[in-house]
Amino acid sequence: MGRHKAILLTTVMLAAGMTSARQTEAQTFQTYRCADGTQFIVAFYDADKRAFLQIDGEPVTLAKRLSVSGARYSGAGVTLKIPKTGSTTVKHLRRPVTACAAIEKPRI
């Protein structure tokens, strides 16, 4: 399973790199685990307003949408909401909205 995730993450990173060479200057990756068992990785690049998501084994690019508080991204049937306060939520594949929490990276 780990090899599969690594291959998909590499695919997402390569696709993101092809859209703009400047995106690789500063990037943020975060892994989330949701209440319904969904797990996804999201990547943000300084020079790009989109979110690059890997969910259900598929790369998805989400456009930034208007939001009153925090950030909201959507595209290809996926909606990601990251509020300033409260829990991050994701809705995808006709599933109900579910709360998600960031997974802490182990320190070496």
Protein backbone atom coordinates (compact mmCIF):
# COMPACT_ATOMS: atom_id res chain seq x y z
CA MET A 1 0.00 0.00 0.00
CA GLY A 2 2.88 2.39 0.78
CA ARG A 3 4.43 1.88 -2.66
CA HIS A 4 1.06 2.62 -4.30
CA LYS A 5 0.74 5.90 -2.38
CA ALA A 6 4.29 6.89 -3.27
CA ILE A 7 3.63 6.31 -6.97
CA LEU A 8 0.43 8.37 -6.87
CA LEU A 9 2.03 11.17 -4.90
CA THR A 10 4.84 11.26 -7.45
CA THR A 11 2.25 11.50 -10.24
CA VAL A 12 0.56 14.45 -8.50
CA MET A 13 3.86 16.21 -7.96
CA LEU A 14 4.93 15.73 -11.59
CA ALA A 15 1.58 17.01 -12.88
CA ALA A 16 1.86 20.05 -10.62
CA GLY A 17 5.45 20.65 -11.72
CA MET A 18 4.47 20.63 -15.39
CA THR A 19 1.93 23.43 -14.92
CA SER A 20 4.51 25.89 -13.66
CA ALA A 21 8.23 25.66 -13.05
CA ARG A 22 8.03 28.25 -10.26
CA GLN A 23 5.67 26.16 -8.13
CA THR A 24 8.52 24.10 -6.76
CA GLU A 25 10.03 27.08 -4.94
CA ALA A 26 7.85 26.68 -1.85
CA GLN A 27 5.40 23.89 -1.21
CA THR A 28 3.36 22.46 1.62
CA PHE A 29 2.14 18.88 1.87
CA GLN A 30 -0.32 17.68 4.51
CA THR A 31 -1.93 14.28 5.07
CA TYR A 32 -5.46 14.09 6.48
CA ARG A 33 -7.49 11.22 7.94
CA CYS A 34 -11.28 11.58 8.05
CA ALA A 35 -13.99 10.21 10.34
CA ASP A 36 -15.35 7.94 7.56
CA GLY A 37 -11.93 6.34 6.98
CA THR A 38 -10.97 8.47 3.96
CA GLN A 39 -7.33 9.49 3.86
CA PHE A 40 -5.90 12.08 1.47
CA ILE A 41 -2.81 14.16 0.79
CA VAL A 42 -3.08 17.82 -0.18
CA ALA A 43 -0.30 19.98 -1.65
CA PHE A 44 -0.18 23.77 -1.87
CA TYR A 45 2.33 25.82 -3.86
CA ASP A 46 3.09 29.50 -3.23
CA ALA A 47 2.79 30.54 -6.88
CA ASP A 48 -0.55 28.74 -7.37
CA LYS A 49 -3.98 29.28 -5.78
CA ARG A 50 -5.09 25.69 -6.46
CA ALA A 51 -4.91 22.70 -4.14
CA PHE A 52 -3.48 19.44 -5.47
CA LEU A 53 -5.19 16.49 -3.84
CA GLN A 54 -4.63 12.76 -3.91
CA ILE A 55 -7.81 11.02 -2.76
CA ASP A 56 -9.08 7.49 -3.40
CA GLY A 57 -5.90 6.78 -5.35
CA GLU A 58 -6.57 9.53 -7.89
CA PRO A 59 -4.93 12.95 -8.32
CA VAL A 60 -7.41 15.84 -8.35
CA THR A 61 -6.72 19.55 -8.87
CA LEU A 62 -9.08 21.81 -6.92
CA ALA A 63 -9.66 25.46 -7.78
CA LYS A 64 -9.89 27.98 -4.97
CA ARG A 65 -13.46 29.23 -4.42
CA LEU A 66 -14.93 32.18 -2.59
CA SER A 67 -15.22 31.56 1.15
CA VAL A 68 -16.37 33.72 4.03
CA SER A 69 -13.93 32.27 6.56
CA GLY A 70 -10.91 30.12 5.75
CA ALA A 71 -10.39 28.46 2.38
CA ARG A 72 -12.60 26.38 0.10
CA TYR A 73 -11.43 24.40 -2.90
CA SER A 74 -13.51 22.34 -5.34
CA GLY A 75 -13.31 20.44 -8.60
CA ALA A 76 -14.06 17.02 -10.13
CA GLY A 77 -16.77 16.29 -7.57
CA VAL A 78 -14.53 17.01 -4.57
CA THR A 79 -14.95 19.91 -2.13
CA LEU A 80 -12.31 20.66 0.52
CA LYS A 81 -12.99 23.26 3.24
CA ILE A 82 -10.23 24.45 5.54
CA PRO A 83 -11.77 26.95 8.00
CA LYS A 84 -9.77 29.38 10.12
CA THR A 85 -11.27 27.73 13.20
CA GLY A 86 -12.76 24.29 13.47
CA SER A 87 -12.35 21.05 11.58
CA THR A 88 -11.32 20.56 7.95
CA THR A 89 -14.03 18.83 5.90
CA VAL A 90 -14.11 16.97 2.60
CA LYS A 91 -16.99 15.88 0.37
CA HIS A 92 -16.38 13.53 -2.56
CA LEU A 93 -18.03 10.91 -4.74
CA ARG A 94 -21.57 11.60 -3.55
CA ARG A 95 -20.53 10.83 0.03
CA PRO A 96 -21.68 13.07 2.87
CA VAL A 97 -19.43 15.80 4.22
CA THR A 98 -16.99 14.34 6.74
CA ALA A 99 -14.65 15.92 9.29
CA CYS A 100 -10.92 15.36 8.84
CA ALA A 101 -7.84 15.90 10.98
CA ALA A 102 -4.25 16.44 9.92
CA ILE A 103 -1.90 13.55 10.61
CA GLU A 104 1.27 14.58 12.39
CA LYS A 105 4.48 13.59 10.65
CA PRO A 106 6.82 11.48 12.80
CA ARG A 107 9.97 13.28 13.86
CA ILE A 108 13.30 11.64 13.20
